[in-house]
């Protein structure tokens, strides 16, 4: 299983254990739960601490090179809470 690094904490984990956010030309910024969508991707742990950290520091915006809609953070929060 391929390892990926969380953009918040830097921990390397299995790809399936992280949530992928993708920026592409067609759809803009979206969550990629399949891990197969085209575009620039960033991985985040299934952890509210990591999510709050990237929201506070705007790390996701820096990595993807664009402004992140609030709906993306709401969707991420819902996914993390469901998996907890």
PDB file of N, CA and C in Angstrom:
ATOM      1  N   UNK A   1       0.858  -1.183   0.000  1.00  0.00           N
ATOM      2  CA  UNK A   1       0.000   0.000   0.000  1.00  0.00           C
ATOM      3  C   UNK A   1       0.901   1.242   0.000  1.00  0.00           C
ATOM      4  N   UNK A   2       0.636   2.186  -0.908  1.00  0.00           N
ATOM      5  CA  UNK A   2       1.466   3.390  -0.981  1.00  0.00           C
ATOM      6  C   UNK A   2       1.298   4.275   0.262  1.00  0.00           C
ATOM      7  N   UNK A   3       2.393   4.891   0.684  1.00  0.00           N
ATOM      8  CA  UNK A   3       2.359   5.809   1.814  1.00  0.00           C
ATOM      9  C   UNK A   3       2.221   7.236   1.312  1.00  0.00           C
ATOM     10  N   UNK A   4       1.465   8.032   2.036  1.00  0.00           N
ATOM     11  CA  UNK A   4       1.303   9.451   1.740  1.00  0.00           C
ATOM     12  C   UNK A   4       1.507  10.239   3.030  1.00  0.00           C
ATOM     13  N   UNK A   5       1.823  11.526   2.893  1.00  0.00           N
ATOM     14  CA  UNK A   5       2.138  12.361   4.047  1.00  0.00           C
ATOM     15  C   UNK A   5       1.030  13.381   4.291  1.00  0.00           C
ATOM     16  N   UNK A   6       0.581  13.475   5.536  1.00  0.00           N
ATOM     17  CA  UNK A   6      -0.419  14.473   5.919  1.00  0.00           C
ATOM     18  C   UNK A   6       0.225  15.855   5.839  1.00  0.00           C
ATOM     19  N   UNK A   7      -0.465  16.822   5.216  1.00  0.00           N
ATOM     20  CA  UNK A   7       0.105  18.162   5.069  1.00  0.00           C
ATOM     21  C   UNK A   7       0.117  18.928   6.387  1.00  0.00           C
ATOM     22  N   UNK A   8      -0.618  18.455   7.378  1.00  0.00           N
ATOM     23  CA  UNK A   8      -0.657  19.140   8.664  1.00  0.00           C
ATOM     24  C   UNK A   8       0.425  18.641   9.614  1.00  0.00           C
ATOM     25  N   UNK A   9       0.375  17.357   9.952  1.00  0.00           N
ATOM     26  CA  UNK A   9       1.287  16.811  10.972  1.00  0.00           C
ATOM     27  C   UNK A   9       2.547  16.189  10.379  1.00  0.00           C
ATOM     28  N   UNK A  10       2.525  15.872   9.087  1.00  0.00           N
ATOM     29  CA  UNK A  10       3.691  15.285   8.434  1.00  0.00           C
ATOM     30  C   UNK A  10       3.830  13.784   8.615  1.00  0.00           C
ATOM     31  N   UNK A  11       2.865  13.155   9.303  1.00  0.00           N
ATOM     32  CA  UNK A  11       2.911  11.701   9.490  1.00  0.00           C
ATOM     33  C   UNK A  11       2.694  10.990   8.160  1.00  0.00           C
ATOM     34  N   UNK A  12       3.471   9.941   7.917  1.00  0.00           N
ATOM     35  CA  UNK A  12       3.279   9.120   6.723  1.00  0.00           C
ATOM     36  C   UNK A  12       2.362   7.966   7.087  1.00  0.00           C
ATOM     37  N   UNK A  13       1.295   7.812   6.301  1.00  0.00           N
ATOM     38  CA  UNK A  13       0.314   6.760   6.551  1.00  0.00           C
ATOM     39  C   UNK A  13      -0.087   6.127   5.228  1.00  0.00           C
ATOM     40  N   UNK A  14      -0.792   5.006   5.318  1.00  0.00           N
ATOM     41  CA  UNK A  14      -1.338   4.385   4.116  1.00  0.00           C
ATOM     42  C   UNK A  14      -2.289   5.356   3.433  1.00  0.00           C
ATOM     43  N   UNK A  15      -2.275   5.337   2.129  1.00  0.00           N
ATOM     44  CA  UNK A  15      -3.113   6.230   1.331  1.00  0.00           C
ATOM     45  C   UNK A  15      -4.585   6.131   1.725  1.00  0.00           C
ATOM     46  N   UNK A  16      -5.056   4.910   2.005  1.00  0.00           N
ATOM     47  CA  UNK A  16      -6.472   4.716   2.330  1.00  0.00           C
ATOM     48  C   UNK A  16      -6.846   5.256   3.710  1.00  0.00           C
ATOM     49  N   UNK A  17      -5.854   5.541   4.557  1.00  0.00           N
ATOM     50  CA  UNK A  17      -6.115   6.060   5.899  1.00  0.00           C
ATOM     51  C   UNK A  17      -6.179   7.583   5.940  1.00  0.00           C
ATOM     52  N   UNK A  18      -5.952   8.225   4.800  1.00  0.00           N
ATOM     53  CA  UNK A  18      -5.972   9.685   4.719  1.00  0.00           C
ATOM     54  C   UNK A  18      -7.116  10.147   3.819  1.00  0.00           C
ATOM     55  N   UNK A  19      -7.478  11.415   3.950  1.00  0.00           N
ATOM     56  CA  UNK A  19      -8.502  12.017   3.092  1.00  0.00           C
ATOM     57  C   UNK A  19      -7.777  12.876   2.059  1.00  0.00           C
ATOM     58  N   UNK A  20      -8.152  12.742   0.792  1.00  0.00           N
ATOM     59  CA  UNK A  20      -7.502  13.492  -0.291  1.00  0.00           C
ATOM     60  C   UNK A  20      -8.397  14.638  -0.747  1.00  0.00           C
ATOM     61  N   UNK A  21      -7.792  15.815  -0.852  1.00  0.00           N
ATOM     62  CA  UNK A  21      -8.460  16.987  -1.410  1.00  0.00           C
ATOM     63  C   UNK A  21      -7.748  17.298  -2.720  1.00  0.00           C
ATOM     64  N   UNK A  22      -8.524  17.530  -3.781  1.00  0.00           N
ATOM     65  CA  UNK A  22      -7.962  17.712  -5.120  1.00  0.00           C
ATOM     66  C   UNK A  22      -8.407  19.044  -5.707  1.00  0.00           C
ATOM     67  N   UNK A  23      -7.490  19.662  -6.442  1.00  0.00           N
ATOM     68  CA  UNK A  23      -7.827  20.851  -7.236  1.00  0.00           C
ATOM     69  C   UNK A  23      -7.587  20.483  -8.694  1.00  0.00           C
ATOM     70  N   UNK A  24      -8.645  20.635  -9.518  1.00  0.00           N
ATOM     71  CA  UNK A  24      -8.465  20.422 -10.950  1.00  0.00           C
ATOM     72  C   UNK A  24      -9.221  21.499 -11.720  1.00  0.00           C
ATOM     73  N   UNK A  25      -8.964  21.580 -13.012  1.00  0.00           N
ATOM     74  CA  UNK A  25      -9.557  22.643 -13.825  1.00  0.00           C
ATOM     75  C   UNK A  25     -11.056  22.481 -14.005  1.00  0.00           C
ATOM     76  N   UNK A  26     -11.519  21.243 -14.108  1.00  0.00           N
ATOM     77  CA  UNK A  26     -12.934  20.997 -14.398  1.00  0.00           C
ATOM     78  C   UNK A  26     -13.843  21.283 -13.209  1.00  0.00           C
ATOM     79  N   UNK A  27     -13.459  20.779 -12.026  1.00  0.00           N
ATOM     80  CA  UNK A  27     -14.357  20.836 -10.875  1.00  0.00           C
ATOM     81  C   UNK A  27     -13.907  21.786  -9.773  1.00  0.00           C
ATOM     82  N   UNK A  28     -12.733  22.360  -9.882  1.00  0.00           N
ATOM     83  CA  UNK A  28     -12.221  23.218  -8.821  1.00  0.00           C
ATOM     84  C   UNK A  28     -11.682  22.379  -7.670  1.00  0.00           C
ATOM     85  N   UNK A  29     -11.957  22.797  -6.435  1.00  0.00           N
ATOM     86  CA  UNK A  29     -11.484  22.071  -5.254  1.00  0.00           C
ATOM     87  C   UNK A  29     -12.575  21.115  -4.794  1.00  0.00           C
ATOM     88  N   UNK A  30     -12.230  19.834  -4.712  1.00  0.00           N
ATOM     89  CA  UNK A  30     -13.201  18.808  -4.312  1.00  0.00           C
ATOM     90  C   UNK A  30     -12.530  17.769  -3.419  1.00  0.00           C
ATOM     91  N   UNK A  31     -13.349  17.021  -2.694  1.00  0.00           N
ATOM     92  CA  UNK A  31     -12.839  15.883  -1.934  1.00  0.00           C
ATOM     93  C   UNK A  31     -12.780  14.683  -2.861  1.00  0.00           C
ATOM     94  N   UNK A  32     -11.717  13.922  -2.750  1.00  0.00           N
ATOM     95  CA  UNK A  32     -11.543  12.733  -3.581  1.00  0.00           C
ATOM     96  C   UNK A  32     -11.489  11.512  -2.673  1.00  0.00           C
ATOM     97  N   UNK A  33     -12.641  10.924  -2.433  1.00  0.00           N
ATOM     98  CA  UNK A  33     -12.706   9.769  -1.540  1.00  0.00           C
ATOM     99  C   UNK A  33     -12.230   8.491  -2.220  1.00  0.00           C
ATOM    100  N   UNK A  34     -12.137   8.504  -3.557  1.00  0.00           N
ATOM    101  CA  UNK A  34     -11.654   7.328  -4.287  1.00  0.00           C
ATOM    102  C   UNK A  34     -10.131   7.328  -4.401  1.00  0.00           C
ATOM    103  N   UNK A  35      -9.528   8.507  -4.336  1.00  0.00           N
ATOM    104  CA  UNK A  35      -8.075   8.615  -4.484  1.00  0.00           C
ATOM    105  C   UNK A  35      -7.606   8.525  -5.919  1.00  0.00           C
ATOM    106  N   UNK A  36      -8.530   8.657  -6.875  1.00  0.00           N
ATOM    107  CA  UNK A  36      -8.175   8.451  -8.282  1.00  0.00           C
ATOM    108  C   UNK A  36      -8.439   9.652  -9.187  1.00  0.00           C
ATOM    109  N   UNK A  37      -8.986  10.728  -8.652  1.00  0.00           N
ATOM    110  CA  UNK A  37      -9.302  11.876  -9.504  1.00  0.00           C
ATOM    111  C   UNK A  37      -8.030  12.574  -9.965  1.00  0.00           C
ATOM    112  N   UNK A  38      -8.116  13.179 -11.153  1.00  0.00           N
ATOM    113  CA  UNK A  38      -6.994  13.932 -11.700  1.00  0.00           C
ATOM    114  C   UNK A  38      -6.859  15.265 -10.989  1.00  0.00           C
ATOM    115  N   UNK A  39      -5.643  15.787 -10.980  1.00  0.00           N
ATOM    116  CA  UNK A  39      -5.400  17.105 -10.414  1.00  0.00           C
ATOM    117  C   UNK A  39      -4.388  17.058  -9.285  1.00  0.00           C
ATOM    118  N   UNK A  40      -4.069  18.245  -8.784  1.00  0.00           N
ATOM    119  CA  UNK A  40      -3.131  18.350  -7.661  1.00  0.00           C
ATOM    120  C   UNK A  40      -3.842  17.938  -6.390  1.00  0.00           C
ATOM    121  N   UNK A  41      -3.251  17.024  -5.657  1.00  0.00           N
ATOM    122  CA  UNK A  41      -3.880  16.506  -4.448  1.00  0.00           C
ATOM    123  C   UNK A  41      -3.079  16.793  -3.198  1.00  0.00           C
ATOM    124  N   UNK A  42      -3.790  16.835  -2.077  1.00  0.00           N
ATOM    125  CA  UNK A  42      -3.173  16.980  -0.756  1.00  0.00           C
ATOM    126  C   UNK A  42      -3.878  16.014   0.183  1.00  0.00           C
ATOM    127  N   UNK A  43      -3.123  15.434   1.098  1.00  0.00           N
ATOM    128  CA  UNK A  43      -3.671  14.432   2.015  1.00  0.00           C
ATOM    129  C   UNK A  43      -3.739  14.975   3.435  1.00  0.00           C
ATOM    130  N   UNK A  44      -4.831  14.595   4.132  1.00  0.00           N
ATOM    131  CA  UNK A  44      -5.060  15.039   5.504  1.00  0.00           C
ATOM    132  C   UNK A  44      -5.466  13.833   6.342  1.00  0.00           C
ATOM    133  N   UNK A  45      -4.947  13.760   7.569  1.00  0.00           N
ATOM    134  CA  UNK A  45      -5.321  12.688   8.500  1.00  0.00           C
ATOM    135  C   UNK A  45      -6.807  12.763   8.838  1.00  0.00           C
ATOM    136  N   UNK A  46      -7.353  11.630   9.264  1.00  0.00           N
ATOM    137  CA  UNK A  46      -8.733  11.581   9.765  1.00  0.00           C
ATOM    138  C   UNK A  46      -8.749  12.069  11.208  1.00  0.00           C
ATOM    139  N   UNK A  47      -8.354  13.313  11.417  1.00  0.00           N
ATOM    140  CA  UNK A  47      -8.183  13.850  12.760  1.00  0.00           C
ATOM    141  C   UNK A  47      -8.597  15.320  12.769  1.00  0.00           C
ATOM    142  N   UNK A  48      -9.466  15.681  13.715  1.00  0.00           N
ATOM    143  CA  UNK A  48      -9.922  17.072  13.795  1.00  0.00           C
ATOM    144  C   UNK A  48      -8.779  18.029  14.115  1.00  0.00           C
ATOM    145  N   UNK A  49      -7.775  17.565  14.861  1.00  0.00           N
ATOM    146  CA  UNK A  49      -6.623  18.410  15.179  1.00  0.00           C
ATOM    147  C   UNK A  49      -5.892  18.827  13.911  1.00  0.00           C
ATOM    148  N   UNK A  50      -5.661  17.877  13.015  1.00  0.00           N
ATOM    149  CA  UNK A  50      -4.990  18.181  11.746  1.00  0.00           C
ATOM    150  C   UNK A  50      -5.849  19.118  10.899  1.00  0.00           C
ATOM    151  N   UNK A  51      -7.150  18.867  10.868  1.00  0.00           N
ATOM    152  CA  UNK A  51      -8.050  19.719  10.088  1.00  0.00           C
ATOM    153  C   UNK A  51      -8.041  21.144  10.623  1.00  0.00           C
ATOM    154  N   UNK A  52      -8.151  21.300  11.939  1.00  0.00           N
ATOM    155  CA  UNK A  52      -8.142  22.637  12.538  1.00  0.00           C
ATOM    156  C   UNK A  52      -6.821  23.349  12.288  1.00  0.00           C
ATOM    157  N   UNK A  53      -5.737  22.604  12.295  1.00  0.00           N
ATOM    158  CA  UNK A  53      -4.420  23.181  12.047  1.00  0.00           C
ATOM    159  C   UNK A  53      -4.301  23.720  10.620  1.00  0.00           C
ATOM    160  N   UNK A  54      -4.739  22.933   9.623  1.00  0.00           N
ATOM    161  CA  UNK A  54      -4.622  23.414   8.232  1.00  0.00           C
ATOM    162  C   UNK A  54      -5.586  24.555   7.954  1.00  0.00           C
ATOM    163  N   UNK A  55      -6.691  24.573   8.673  1.00  0.00           N
ATOM    164  CA  UNK A  55      -7.653  25.669   8.506  1.00  0.00           C
ATOM    165  C   UNK A  55      -7.071  26.960   9.084  1.00  0.00           C
ATOM    166  N   UNK A  56      -6.451  26.843  10.252  1.00  0.00           N
ATOM    167  CA  UNK A  56      -5.884  28.001  10.945  1.00  0.00           C
ATOM    168  C   UNK A  56      -4.686  28.581  10.189  1.00  0.00           C
ATOM    169  N   UNK A  57      -3.813  27.702   9.694  1.00  0.00           N
ATOM    170  CA  UNK A  57      -2.586  28.159   9.025  1.00  0.00           C
ATOM    171  C   UNK A  57      -2.761  28.364   7.518  1.00  0.00           C
ATOM    172  N   UNK A  58      -3.932  28.010   6.991  1.00  0.00           N
ATOM    173  CA  UNK A  58      -4.219  28.100   5.549  1.00  0.00           C
ATOM    174  C   UNK A  58      -3.244  27.250   4.728  1.00  0.00           C
ATOM    175  N   UNK A  59      -2.790  26.162   5.322  1.00  0.00           N
ATOM    176  CA  UNK A  59      -1.830  25.263   4.668  1.00  0.00           C
ATOM    177  C   UNK A  59      -2.411  24.635   3.399  1.00  0.00           C
ATOM    178  N   UNK A  60      -3.690  24.264   3.433  1.00  0.00           N
ATOM    179  CA  UNK A  60      -4.314  23.649   2.259  1.00  0.00           C
ATOM    180  C   UNK A  60      -4.348  24.635   1.090  1.00  0.00           C
ATOM    181  N   UNK A  61      -4.639  25.897   1.380  1.00  0.00           N
ATOM    182  CA  UNK A  61      -4.635  26.931   0.334  1.00  0.00           C
ATOM    183  C   UNK A  61      -3.252  27.073  -0.287  1.00  0.00           C
ATOM    184  N   UNK A  62      -2.225  27.021   0.553  1.00  0.00           N
ATOM    185  CA  UNK A  62      -0.853  27.167   0.064  1.00  0.00           C
ATOM    186  C   UNK A  62      -0.443  25.975  -0.796  1.00  0.00           C
ATOM    187  N   UNK A  63      -0.799  24.771  -0.348  1.00  0.00           N
ATOM    188  CA  UNK A  63      -0.410  23.557  -1.079  1.00  0.00           C
ATOM    189  C   UNK A  63      -1.116  23.472  -2.430  1.00  0.00           C
ATOM    190  N   UNK A  64      -2.410  23.783  -2.451  1.00  0.00           N
ATOM    191  CA  UNK A  64      -3.168  23.673  -3.701  1.00  0.00           C
ATOM    192  C   UNK A  64      -3.098  24.943  -4.549  1.00  0.00           C
ATOM    193  N   UNK A  65      -2.606  26.036  -3.976  1.00  0.00           N
ATOM    194  CA  UNK A  65      -2.422  27.265  -4.731  1.00  0.00           C
ATOM    195  C   UNK A  65      -3.705  28.000  -5.055  1.00  0.00           C
ATOM    196  N   UNK A  66      -4.716  27.868  -4.185  1.00  0.00           N
ATOM    197  CA  UNK A  66      -5.970  28.582  -4.406  1.00  0.00           C
ATOM    198  C   UNK A  66      -6.728  28.716  -3.088  1.00  0.00           C
ATOM    199  N   UNK A  67      -7.756  29.537  -3.103  1.00  0.00           N
ATOM    200  CA  UNK A  67      -8.609  29.704  -1.926  1.00  0.00           C
ATOM    201  C   UNK A  67      -9.491  28.465  -1.773  1.00  0.00           C
ATOM    202  N   UNK A  68      -9.651  27.994  -0.550  1.00  0.00           N
ATOM    203  CA  UNK A  68     -10.447  26.793  -0.283  1.00  0.00           C
ATOM    204  C   UNK A  68     -11.828  27.209   0.212  1.00  0.00           C
ATOM    205  N   UNK A  69     -12.899  26.776  -0.473  1.00  0.00           N
ATOM    206  CA  UNK A  69     -14.257  27.120  -0.037  1.00  0.00           C
ATOM    207  C   UNK A  69     -14.571  26.530   1.341  1.00  0.00           C
ATOM    208  N   UNK A  70     -15.353  27.242   2.133  1.00  0.00           N
ATOM    209  CA  UNK A  70     -15.731  26.791   3.479  1.00  0.00           C
ATOM    210  C   UNK A  70     -16.453  25.446   3.434  1.00  0.00           C
ATOM    211  N   UNK A  71     -17.186  25.179   2.331  1.00  0.00           N
ATOM    212  CA  UNK A  71     -17.917  23.906   2.207  1.00  0.00           C
ATOM    213  C   UNK A  71     -16.968  22.704   2.268  1.00  0.00           C
ATOM    214  N   UNK A  72     -15.758  22.868   1.747  1.00  0.00           N
ATOM    215  CA  UNK A  72     -14.777  21.774   1.776  1.00  0.00           C
ATOM    216  C   UNK A  72     -14.420  21.439   3.222  1.00  0.00           C
ATOM    217  N   UNK A  73     -14.201  22.474   4.041  1.00  0.00           N
ATOM    218  CA  UNK A  73     -13.873  22.235   5.451  1.00  0.00           C
ATOM    219  C   UNK A  73     -15.053  21.608   6.189  1.00  0.00           C
ATOM    220  N   UNK A  74     -16.281  22.012   5.824  1.00  0.00           N
ATOM    221  CA  UNK A  74     -17.472  21.413   6.442  1.00  0.00           C
ATOM    222  C   UNK A  74     -17.583  19.935   6.070  1.00  0.00           C
ATOM    223  N   UNK A  75     -17.350  19.615   4.798  1.00  0.00           N
ATOM    224  CA  UNK A  75     -17.390  18.213   4.351  1.00  0.00           C
ATOM    225  C   UNK A  75     -16.309  17.384   5.046  1.00  0.00           C
ATOM    226  N   UNK A  76     -15.104  17.956   5.164  1.00  0.00           N
ATOM    227  CA  UNK A  76     -14.013  17.256   5.849  1.00  0.00           C
ATOM    228  C   UNK A  76     -14.373  16.978   7.309  1.00  0.00           C
ATOM    229  N   UNK A  77     -14.956  17.973   7.974  1.00  0.00           N
ATOM    230  CA  UNK A  77     -15.371  17.805   9.371  1.00  0.00           C
ATOM    231  C   UNK A  77     -16.385  16.681   9.489  1.00  0.00           C
ATOM    232  N   UNK A  78     -17.381  16.664   8.592  1.00  0.00           N
ATOM    233  CA  UNK A  78     -18.405  15.612   8.624  1.00  0.00           C
ATOM    234  C   UNK A  78     -17.794  14.228   8.419  1.00  0.00           C
ATOM    235  N   UNK A  79     -16.874  14.103   7.481  1.00  0.00           N
ATOM    236  CA  UNK A  79     -16.234  12.814   7.206  1.00  0.00           C
ATOM    237  C   UNK A  79     -15.431  12.344   8.421  1.00  0.00           C
ATOM    238  N   UNK A  80     -14.676  13.251   9.020  1.00  0.00           N
ATOM    239  CA  UNK A  80     -13.856  12.886  10.181  1.00  0.00           C
ATOM    240  C   UNK A  80     -14.737  12.474  11.353  1.00  0.00           C
ATOM    241  N   UNK A  81     -15.828  13.203  11.580  1.00  0.00           N
ATOM    242  CA  UNK A  81     -16.727  12.866  12.691  1.00  0.00           C
ATOM    243  C   UNK A  81     -17.412  11.518  12.468  1.00  0.00           C
ATOM    244  N   UNK A  82     -17.752  11.204  11.213  1.00  0.00           N
ATOM    245  CA  UNK A  82     -18.387   9.910  10.911  1.00  0.00           C
ATOM    246  C   UNK A  82     -17.422   8.748  11.136  1.00  0.00           C
ATOM    247  N   UNK A  83     -16.135   8.963  10.827  1.00  0.00           N
ATOM    248  CA  UNK A  83     -15.148   7.890  10.965  1.00  0.00           C
ATOM    249  C   UNK A  83     -14.691   7.701  12.408  1.00  0.00           C
ATOM    250  N   UNK A  84     -14.962   8.690  13.261  1.00  0.00           N
ATOM    251  CA  UNK A  84     -14.529   8.594  14.673  1.00  0.00           C
ATOM    252  C   UNK A  84     -15.368   7.624  15.453  1.00  0.00           C
TER     253      UNK A  84
END
